[in-house]
Amino acid sequence: MLDSGLAVLYGVSTKRLNEQVRRNRNRFPDDFVFQLTADETDALRSQIATSIAAPGARGGRRYRPYAFTEHGAIQAANVLNSSRAVEMGIYVVRAFVQLRELLSSNKELVKRLDQLEARIERKLATHDDAIAAMLSAIRQLMQPPAPKRRGIGFTADIR
């Protein structure tokens, strides 16, 4: 989640959030928060049509945004002292717990789907063999038997 979105969620300014992250850098290891690269920032900017700024102020960001992982978002709530941050920190924890549960149930669903697919493939293989045998038998029946030819010459056994 980007710092601007997290700041809105916690009811503080982006500047205040980033200030607290810089002041408490030891609480935010690289796997909790990282700054976007220049290329990522440019790609992000190309998706935004206009920048919103106060009247008379320069628009847009002057620094590359920070991106927070789930742990970084929770840690940000811990370093901010607003009541909204505490409330939203609890909400974020619950949201990530639900997300994990959803992902684990999807893993189980994928596993069950794979088992079902394997079982169907086994059945189809035996059915394919049976169908191939039936088609072969039908083709043999479709070929007329070779006509009996009478021998050359006189035979006493005429029917």
N, C-alpha and C. Protein backbone atom coordinates (compact mmCIF):
# COMPACT_ATOMS: atom_id res chain seq x y z
N MET A 1 0.86 -1.15 0.00
CA MET A 1 0.00 0.00 0.00
C MET A 1 0.91 1.23 0.00
N LEU A 2 0.56 2.22 -0.80
CA LEU A 2 1.38 3.42 -0.87
C LEU A 2 1.16 4.31 0.34
N ASP A 3 2.16 5.12 0.63
CA ASP A 3 2.10 5.99 1.81
C ASP A 3 0.92 6.95 1.78
N SER A 4 0.55 7.46 0.63
CA SER A 4 -0.56 8.41 0.56
C SER A 4 -1.88 7.74 0.93
N GLY A 5 -2.10 6.52 0.47
CA GLY A 5 -3.31 5.78 0.82
C GLY A 5 -3.36 5.42 2.29
N LEU A 6 -2.21 5.03 2.81
CA LEU A 6 -2.13 4.66 4.23
C LEU A 6 -2.36 5.89 5.11
N ALA A 7 -1.85 7.05 4.68
CA ALA A 7 -2.04 8.28 5.45
C ALA A 7 -3.52 8.64 5.51
N VAL A 8 -4.22 8.50 4.40
CA VAL A 8 -5.66 8.78 4.38
C VAL A 8 -6.38 7.82 5.32
N LEU A 9 -5.99 6.57 5.25
CA LEU A 9 -6.61 5.55 6.10
C LEU A 9 -6.43 5.87 7.59
N TYR A 10 -5.24 6.36 7.95
CA TYR A 10 -4.95 6.65 9.35
C TYR A 10 -5.31 8.08 9.76
N GLY A 11 -5.80 8.87 8.84
CA GLY A 11 -6.24 10.22 9.17
C GLY A 11 -5.11 11.19 9.47
N VAL A 12 -3.97 11.01 8.83
CA VAL A 12 -2.85 11.94 8.98
C VAL A 12 -2.38 12.35 7.58
N SER A 13 -1.53 13.35 7.51
CA SER A 13 -0.99 13.76 6.22
C SER A 13 0.11 12.79 5.80
N THR A 14 0.35 12.73 4.51
CA THR A 14 1.42 11.87 4.00
C THR A 14 2.76 12.33 4.56
N LYS A 15 2.93 13.63 4.66
CA LYS A 15 4.17 14.18 5.21
C LYS A 15 4.38 13.69 6.64
N ARG A 16 3.35 13.70 7.45
CA ARG A 16 3.45 13.25 8.85
C ARG A 16 3.77 11.76 8.92
N LEU A 17 3.12 10.97 8.08
CA LEU A 17 3.39 9.53 8.07
C LEU A 17 4.84 9.25 7.70
N ASN A 18 5.31 9.88 6.62
CA ASN A 18 6.70 9.65 6.18
C ASN A 18 7.70 10.17 7.22
N GLU A 19 7.35 11.23 7.90
CA GLU A 19 8.20 11.78 8.96
C GLU A 19 8.36 10.76 10.08
N GLN A 20 7.27 10.13 10.49
CA GLN A 20 7.34 9.13 11.55
C GLN A 20 8.11 7.89 11.11
N VAL A 21 7.98 7.53 9.83
CA VAL A 21 8.74 6.38 9.32
C VAL A 21 10.23 6.71 9.38
N ARG A 22 10.63 7.91 8.98
CA ARG A 22 12.05 8.30 9.02
C ARG A 22 12.56 8.38 10.46
N ARG A 23 11.74 8.88 11.36
CA ARG A 23 12.17 9.02 12.77
C ARG A 23 12.29 7.66 13.45
N ASN A 24 11.50 6.71 13.02
CA ASN A 24 11.50 5.37 13.64
C ASN A 24 11.99 4.33 12.65
N ARG A 25 13.04 4.63 11.94
CA ARG A 25 13.54 3.76 10.86
C ARG A 25 13.87 2.36 11.37
N ASN A 26 14.31 2.23 12.61
CA ASN A 26 14.65 0.90 13.13
C ASN A 26 13.41 0.01 13.28
N ARG A 27 12.22 0.59 13.30
CA ARG A 27 10.97 -0.19 13.39
C ARG A 27 10.46 -0.62 12.02
N PHE A 28 11.09 -0.15 10.97
CA PHE A 28 10.63 -0.42 9.61
C PHE A 28 11.76 -1.03 8.78
N PRO A 29 12.01 -2.33 8.94
CA PRO A 29 13.03 -2.97 8.09
C PRO A 29 12.58 -2.97 6.63
N ASP A 30 13.48 -3.36 5.76
CA ASP A 30 13.22 -3.31 4.31
C ASP A 30 12.04 -4.18 3.88
N ASP A 31 11.73 -5.22 4.64
CA ASP A 31 10.59 -6.05 4.26
C ASP A 31 9.27 -5.51 4.82
N PHE A 32 9.31 -4.37 5.53
CA PHE A 32 8.09 -3.71 6.00
C PHE A 32 7.74 -2.51 5.13
N VAL A 33 8.74 -1.77 4.70
CA VAL A 33 8.51 -0.57 3.89
C VAL A 33 9.71 -0.36 2.97
N PHE A 34 9.46 0.11 1.77
CA PHE A 34 10.53 0.43 0.83
C PHE A 34 10.09 1.59 -0.05
N GLN A 35 11.06 2.30 -0.57
CA GLN A 35 10.75 3.44 -1.42
C GLN A 35 10.75 2.97 -2.87
N LEU A 36 9.76 3.44 -3.63
CA LEU A 36 9.66 3.05 -5.04
C LEU A 36 10.86 3.59 -5.82
N THR A 37 11.24 2.88 -6.86
CA THR A 37 12.33 3.34 -7.72
C THR A 37 11.80 4.47 -8.62
N ALA A 38 12.72 5.15 -9.28
CA ALA A 38 12.33 6.25 -10.18
C ALA A 38 11.44 5.73 -11.31
N ASP A 39 11.77 4.56 -11.86
CA ASP A 39 10.95 3.98 -12.94
C ASP A 39 9.54 3.65 -12.46
N GLU A 40 9.46 3.06 -11.26
CA GLU A 40 8.14 2.73 -10.70
C GLU A 40 7.32 4.00 -10.45
N THR A 41 8.00 5.04 -9.96
CA THR A 41 7.31 6.31 -9.70
C THR A 41 6.81 6.91 -11.00
N ASP A 42 7.64 6.87 -12.05
CA ASP A 42 7.22 7.40 -13.35
C ASP A 42 6.04 6.62 -13.90
N ALA A 43 6.07 5.31 -13.75
CA ALA A 43 4.96 4.47 -14.23
C ALA A 43 3.69 4.80 -13.45
N LEU A 44 3.83 5.06 -12.18
CA LEU A 44 2.69 5.41 -11.35
C LEU A 44 2.14 6.78 -11.75
N ARG A 45 3.03 7.72 -12.02
CA ARG A 45 2.60 9.07 -12.43
C ARG A 45 1.84 9.04 -13.74
N SER A 46 2.23 8.16 -14.65
CA SER A 46 1.56 8.13 -15.95
C SER A 46 0.12 7.67 -15.84
N GLN A 47 -0.25 7.09 -14.71
CA GLN A 47 -1.62 6.64 -14.52
C GLN A 47 -2.50 7.70 -13.87
N ILE A 48 -1.90 8.76 -13.40
CA ILE A 48 -2.65 9.82 -12.72
C ILE A 48 -2.76 11.00 -13.68
N ALA A 49 -3.98 11.43 -13.98
CA ALA A 49 -4.17 12.49 -14.96
C ALA A 49 -3.77 13.85 -14.43
N THR A 50 -4.16 14.18 -13.22
CA THR A 50 -3.83 15.49 -12.64
C THR A 50 -3.36 15.29 -11.22
N SER A 51 -2.63 16.27 -10.72
CA SER A 51 -2.23 16.21 -9.32
C SER A 51 -3.06 17.22 -8.55
N ILE A 52 -3.38 16.87 -7.33
CA ILE A 52 -4.23 17.71 -6.51
C ILE A 52 -3.34 18.50 -5.55
N ALA A 53 -3.50 19.81 -5.53
CA ALA A 53 -2.71 20.64 -4.62
C ALA A 53 -3.57 21.77 -4.12
N ALA A 54 -3.16 22.34 -3.02
CA ALA A 54 -3.88 23.49 -2.47
C ALA A 54 -3.71 24.68 -3.42
N PRO A 55 -4.66 25.61 -3.43
CA PRO A 55 -4.52 26.77 -4.31
C PRO A 55 -3.24 27.54 -4.01
N GLY A 56 -2.50 27.87 -5.05
CA GLY A 56 -1.25 28.60 -4.89
C GLY A 56 -0.05 27.74 -4.59
N ALA A 57 -0.25 26.45 -4.35
CA ALA A 57 0.87 25.56 -4.05
C ALA A 57 1.28 24.81 -5.31
N ARG A 58 2.51 24.31 -5.27
CA ARG A 58 2.96 23.49 -6.39
C ARG A 58 2.28 22.14 -6.31
N GLY A 59 1.86 21.61 -7.42
CA GLY A 59 1.15 20.34 -7.40
C GLY A 59 2.09 19.16 -7.49
N GLY A 60 1.60 18.03 -7.03
CA GLY A 60 2.33 16.79 -7.18
C GLY A 60 3.34 16.52 -6.07
N ARG A 61 3.92 15.33 -6.12
CA ARG A 61 4.90 14.90 -5.13
C ARG A 61 6.29 15.31 -5.59
N ARG A 62 7.12 15.61 -4.63
CA ARG A 62 8.50 15.93 -4.95
C ARG A 62 9.44 14.78 -4.57
N TYR A 63 8.92 13.81 -3.85
CA TYR A 63 9.72 12.67 -3.41
C TYR A 63 9.04 11.38 -3.86
N ARG A 64 9.87 10.38 -4.02
CA ARG A 64 9.31 9.07 -4.39
C ARG A 64 8.50 8.51 -3.23
N PRO A 65 7.36 7.90 -3.52
CA PRO A 65 6.51 7.39 -2.44
C PRO A 65 7.09 6.12 -1.80
N TYR A 66 6.65 5.88 -0.59
CA TYR A 66 6.97 4.64 0.12
C TYR A 66 5.85 3.64 -0.10
N ALA A 67 6.21 2.38 -0.15
CA ALA A 67 5.23 1.30 -0.24
C ALA A 67 5.35 0.47 1.04
N PHE A 68 4.22 0.16 1.64
CA PHE A 68 4.18 -0.57 2.90
C PHE A 68 3.63 -1.97 2.67
N THR A 69 4.27 -2.96 3.29
CA THR A 69 3.72 -4.31 3.30
C THR A 69 2.68 -4.38 4.41
N GLU A 70 2.07 -5.53 4.59
CA GLU A 70 1.07 -5.65 5.66
C GLU A 70 1.68 -5.37 7.02
N HIS A 71 2.90 -5.85 7.25
CA HIS A 71 3.55 -5.61 8.54
C HIS A 71 3.93 -4.14 8.71
N GLY A 72 4.35 -3.52 7.62
CA GLY A 72 4.67 -2.10 7.67
C GLY A 72 3.46 -1.24 7.95
N ALA A 73 2.31 -1.63 7.39
CA ALA A 73 1.07 -0.87 7.63
C ALA A 73 0.68 -0.96 9.11
N ILE A 74 0.85 -2.11 9.70
CA ILE A 74 0.52 -2.28 11.12
C ILE A 74 1.52 -1.50 11.98
N GLN A 75 2.79 -1.57 11.60
CA GLN A 75 3.82 -0.84 12.36
C GLN A 75 3.60 0.66 12.26
N ALA A 76 3.13 1.14 11.12
CA ALA A 76 2.84 2.57 10.97
C ALA A 76 1.75 2.99 11.95
N ALA A 77 0.75 2.16 12.14
CA ALA A 77 -0.30 2.46 13.11
C ALA A 77 0.27 2.54 14.52
N ASN A 78 1.30 1.75 14.78
CA ASN A 78 1.91 1.74 16.11
C ASN A 78 2.72 3.01 16.39
N VAL A 79 3.33 3.60 15.36
CA VAL A 79 4.16 4.78 15.61
C VAL A 79 3.36 6.08 15.53
N LEU A 80 2.18 6.04 14.94
CA LEU A 80 1.34 7.24 14.88
C LEU A 80 0.51 7.31 16.16
N ASN A 81 0.33 8.51 16.68
CA ASN A 81 -0.37 8.65 17.96
C ASN A 81 -1.82 9.08 17.82
N SER A 82 -2.36 9.06 16.64
CA SER A 82 -3.77 9.47 16.51
C SER A 82 -4.69 8.31 16.87
N SER A 83 -5.86 8.65 17.40
CA SER A 83 -6.81 7.60 17.78
C SER A 83 -7.29 6.85 16.54
N ARG A 84 -7.39 7.57 15.44
CA ARG A 84 -7.80 6.95 14.17
C ARG A 84 -6.78 5.89 13.74
N ALA A 85 -5.49 6.18 13.93
CA ALA A 85 -4.45 5.23 13.56
C ALA A 85 -4.56 3.95 14.38
N VAL A 86 -4.85 4.09 15.66
CA VAL A 86 -5.01 2.91 16.52
C VAL A 86 -6.21 2.10 16.06
N GLU A 87 -7.32 2.78 15.81
CA GLU A 87 -8.54 2.11 15.36
C GLU A 87 -8.31 1.41 14.03
N MET A 88 -7.67 2.11 13.09
CA MET A 88 -7.44 1.53 11.77
C MET A 88 -6.38 0.43 11.82
N GLY A 89 -5.44 0.54 12.76
CA GLY A 89 -4.44 -0.52 12.92
C GLY A 89 -5.11 -1.85 13.26
N ILE A 90 -6.07 -1.79 14.16
CA ILE A 90 -6.82 -3.00 14.52
C ILE A 90 -7.60 -3.51 13.31
N TYR A 91 -8.20 -2.59 12.58
CA TYR A 91 -8.97 -2.95 11.38
C TYR A 91 -8.05 -3.60 10.34
N VAL A 92 -6.86 -3.03 10.16
CA VAL A 92 -5.91 -3.57 9.18
C VAL A 92 -5.49 -4.98 9.57
N VAL A 93 -5.22 -5.20 10.86
CA VAL A 93 -4.84 -6.54 11.32
C VAL A 93 -5.94 -7.53 10.99
N ARG A 94 -7.17 -7.16 11.28
CA ARG A 94 -8.30 -8.06 11.00
C ARG A 94 -8.45 -8.30 9.50
N ALA A 95 -8.26 -7.26 8.71
CA ALA A 95 -8.38 -7.42 7.25
C ALA A 95 -7.33 -8.38 6.72
N PHE A 96 -6.08 -8.26 7.19
CA PHE A 96 -5.03 -9.16 6.72
C PHE A 96 -5.26 -10.59 7.20
N VAL A 97 -5.80 -10.75 8.38
CA VAL A 97 -6.13 -12.10 8.87
C VAL A 97 -7.19 -12.73 7.97
N GLN A 98 -8.21 -11.96 7.62
CA GLN A 98 -9.25 -12.48 6.71
C GLN A 98 -8.67 -12.81 5.34
N LEU A 99 -7.77 -11.96 4.86
CA LEU A 99 -7.14 -12.21 3.56
C LEU A 99 -6.35 -13.50 3.59
N ARG A 100 -5.60 -13.73 4.68
CA ARG A 100 -4.85 -14.98 4.81
C ARG A 100 -5.77 -16.19 4.82
N GLU A 101 -6.87 -16.08 5.55
CA GLU A 101 -7.83 -17.19 5.61
C GLU A 101 -8.41 -17.46 4.23
N LEU A 102 -8.71 -16.40 3.51
CA LEU A 102 -9.24 -16.55 2.15
C LEU A 102 -8.23 -17.23 1.24
N LEU A 103 -6.97 -16.81 1.34
CA LEU A 103 -5.94 -17.42 0.51
C LEU A 103 -5.73 -18.89 0.86
N SER A 104 -5.77 -19.22 2.16
CA SER A 104 -5.57 -20.62 2.54
C SER A 104 -6.75 -21.46 2.07
N SER A 105 -7.97 -20.92 2.10
CA SER A 105 -9.11 -21.69 1.60
C SER A 105 -9.00 -21.87 0.09
N ASN A 106 -8.45 -20.88 -0.61
CA ASN A 106 -8.24 -21.02 -2.05
C ASN A 106 -7.20 -22.08 -2.34
N LYS A 107 -6.17 -22.19 -1.50
CA LYS A 107 -5.17 -23.23 -1.68
C LYS A 107 -5.80 -24.61 -1.54
N GLU A 108 -6.68 -24.74 -0.56
CA GLU A 108 -7.38 -26.01 -0.37
C GLU A 108 -8.26 -26.31 -1.57
N LEU A 109 -8.93 -25.30 -2.08
CA LEU A 109 -9.79 -25.47 -3.25
C LEU A 109 -8.97 -25.89 -4.46
N VAL A 110 -7.81 -25.29 -4.66
CA VAL A 110 -6.93 -25.66 -5.77
C VAL A 110 -6.48 -27.10 -5.62
N LYS A 111 -6.15 -27.49 -4.40
CA LYS A 111 -5.70 -28.87 -4.15
C LYS A 111 -6.82 -29.86 -4.48
N ARG A 112 -8.03 -29.55 -4.03
CA ARG A 112 -9.16 -30.44 -4.29
C ARG A 112 -9.47 -30.49 -5.79
N LEU A 113 -9.35 -29.36 -6.46
CA LEU A 113 -9.58 -29.31 -7.90
C LEU A 113 -8.56 -30.17 -8.65
N ASP A 114 -7.29 -30.11 -8.21
CA ASP A 114 -6.25 -30.93 -8.82
C ASP A 114 -6.54 -32.41 -8.63
N GLN A 115 -7.00 -32.79 -7.43
CA GLN A 115 -7.35 -34.19 -7.18
C GLN A 115 -8.49 -34.64 -8.08
N LEU A 116 -9.50 -33.79 -8.21
CA LEU A 116 -10.64 -34.12 -9.06
C LEU A 116 -10.20 -34.26 -10.51
N GLU A 117 -9.35 -33.36 -10.97
CA GLU A 117 -8.86 -33.42 -12.34
C GLU A 117 -8.07 -34.70 -12.59
N ALA A 118 -7.24 -35.10 -11.64
CA ALA A 118 -6.46 -36.33 -11.79
C ALA A 118 -7.39 -37.55 -11.86
N ARG A 119 -8.42 -37.55 -11.01
CA ARG A 119 -9.37 -38.66 -11.01
C ARG A 119 -10.13 -38.74 -12.34
N ILE A 120 -10.53 -37.60 -12.85
CA ILE A 120 -11.26 -37.57 -14.12
C ILE A 120 -10.34 -38.02 -15.26
N GLU A 121 -9.08 -37.60 -15.23
CA GLU A 121 -8.14 -38.02 -16.28
C GLU A 121 -7.94 -39.53 -16.27
N ARG A 122 -7.87 -40.12 -15.06
CA ARG A 122 -7.73 -41.59 -14.98
C ARG A 122 -8.94 -42.27 -15.59
N LYS A 123 -10.14 -41.75 -15.26
CA LYS A 123 -11.36 -42.34 -15.80
C LYS A 123 -11.43 -42.15 -17.31
N LEU A 124 -11.06 -40.98 -17.77
CA LEU A 124 -11.10 -40.72 -19.20
C LEU A 124 -10.14 -41.61 -19.96
N ALA A 125 -9.00 -41.91 -19.37
CA ALA A 125 -8.03 -42.79 -20.03
C ALA A 125 -8.64 -44.17 -20.24
N THR A 126 -9.32 -44.72 -19.22
CA THR A 126 -9.95 -46.04 -19.38
C THR A 126 -11.12 -45.96 -20.36
N HIS A 127 -11.86 -44.84 -20.31
CA HIS A 127 -12.98 -44.68 -21.25
C HIS A 127 -12.45 -44.54 -22.67
N ASP A 128 -11.36 -43.82 -22.85
CA ASP A 128 -10.78 -43.67 -24.19
C ASP A 128 -10.37 -45.03 -24.75
N ASP A 129 -9.78 -45.86 -23.91
CA ASP A 129 -9.38 -47.20 -24.36
C ASP A 129 -10.60 -48.01 -24.76
N ALA A 130 -11.66 -47.93 -23.97
CA ALA A 130 -12.88 -48.69 -24.27
C ALA A 130 -13.51 -48.18 -25.56
N ILE A 131 -13.56 -46.88 -25.74
CA ILE A 131 -14.14 -46.30 -26.97
C ILE A 131 -13.31 -46.70 -28.18
N ALA A 132 -11.99 -46.69 -28.05
CA ALA A 132 -11.12 -47.09 -29.16
C ALA A 132 -11.36 -48.55 -29.53
N ALA A 133 -11.56 -49.41 -28.53
CA ALA A 133 -11.83 -50.83 -28.81
C ALA A 133 -13.17 -50.99 -29.51
N MET A 134 -14.19 -50.22 -29.07
CA MET A 134 -15.51 -50.30 -29.74
C MET A 134 -15.42 -49.82 -31.19
N LEU A 135 -14.72 -48.75 -31.42
CA LEU A 135 -14.59 -48.23 -32.79
C LEU A 135 -13.87 -49.24 -33.68
N SER A 136 -12.86 -49.87 -33.13
CA SER A 136 -12.13 -50.89 -33.89
C SER A 136 -13.06 -52.05 -34.26
N ALA A 137 -13.89 -52.48 -33.30
CA ALA A 137 -14.83 -53.58 -33.56
C ALA A 137 -15.86 -53.16 -34.61
N ILE A 138 -16.34 -51.93 -34.53
CA ILE A 138 -17.33 -51.43 -35.51
C ILE A 138 -16.71 -51.39 -36.90
N ARG A 139 -15.46 -50.93 -36.99
CA ARG A 139 -14.79 -50.89 -38.30
C ARG A 139 -14.66 -52.29 -38.90
N GLN A 140 -14.36 -53.27 -38.05
CA GLN A 140 -14.24 -54.64 -38.54
C GLN A 140 -15.58 -55.16 -39.03
N LEU A 141 -16.67 -54.77 -38.32
CA LEU A 141 -18.00 -55.20 -38.75
C LEU A 141 -18.42 -54.51 -40.04
N MET A 142 -17.94 -53.30 -40.26
CA MET A 142 -18.32 -52.56 -41.46
C MET A 142 -17.67 -53.12 -42.72
N GLN A 143 -16.57 -53.83 -42.58
CA GLN A 143 -15.92 -54.42 -43.75
C GLN A 143 -16.68 -55.69 -44.12
N PRO A 144 -17.18 -55.73 -45.33
CA PRO A 144 -17.92 -56.94 -45.72
C PRO A 144 -16.97 -58.12 -45.82
N PRO A 145 -17.48 -59.29 -45.48
CA PRO A 145 -16.60 -60.45 -45.57
C PRO A 145 -16.28 -60.73 -47.04
N ALA A 146 -15.16 -61.31 -47.25
CA ALA A 146 -14.76 -61.64 -48.62
C ALA A 146 -15.75 -62.66 -49.18
N PRO A 147 -16.26 -62.41 -50.39
CA PRO A 147 -17.25 -63.35 -50.96
C PRO A 147 -16.60 -64.72 -51.20
N LYS A 148 -17.44 -65.75 -51.01
CA LYS A 148 -16.94 -67.09 -51.27
C LYS A 148 -16.90 -67.29 -52.77
N ARG A 149 -15.82 -67.70 -53.22
CA ARG A 149 -15.68 -67.91 -54.65
C ARG A 149 -15.83 -69.41 -54.94
N ARG A 150 -16.47 -69.59 -56.00
CA ARG A 150 -16.59 -70.99 -56.43
C ARG A 150 -15.30 -71.41 -57.09
N GLY A 151 -15.02 -72.57 -56.88
CA GLY A 151 -13.81 -73.09 -57.48
C GLY A 151 -13.95 -73.19 -59.00
N ILE A 152 -12.89 -73.25 -59.68
CA ILE A 152 -12.91 -73.36 -61.13
C ILE A 152 -13.09 -74.85 -61.48
N GLY A 153 -13.97 -75.02 -62.46
CA GLY A 153 -14.18 -76.38 -62.91
C GLY A 153 -15.49 -76.93 -62.41
N PHE A 154 -15.68 -78.23 -62.69
CA PHE A 154 -16.93 -78.88 -62.35
C PHE A 154 -16.83 -79.39 -60.93
N THR A 155 -17.90 -79.03 -60.16
CA THR A 155 -17.99 -79.56 -58.81
C THR A 155 -19.34 -80.21 -58.66
N ALA A 156 -19.42 -81.28 -58.00
CA ALA A 156 -20.67 -82.03 -57.84
C ALA A 156 -21.52 -81.42 -56.75
N ASP A 157 -20.96 -80.65 -55.89
CA ASP A 157 -21.70 -80.10 -54.78
C ASP A 157 -22.23 -78.72 -55.13
N ILE A 158 -23.37 -78.68 -55.78
CA ILE A 158 -23.97 -77.39 -56.20
C ILE A 158 -25.18 -77.18 -55.35
N ARG A 159 -25.32 -76.06 -54.88
CA ARG A 159 -26.46 -75.76 -54.04
C ARG A 159 -27.29 -74.73 -54.61
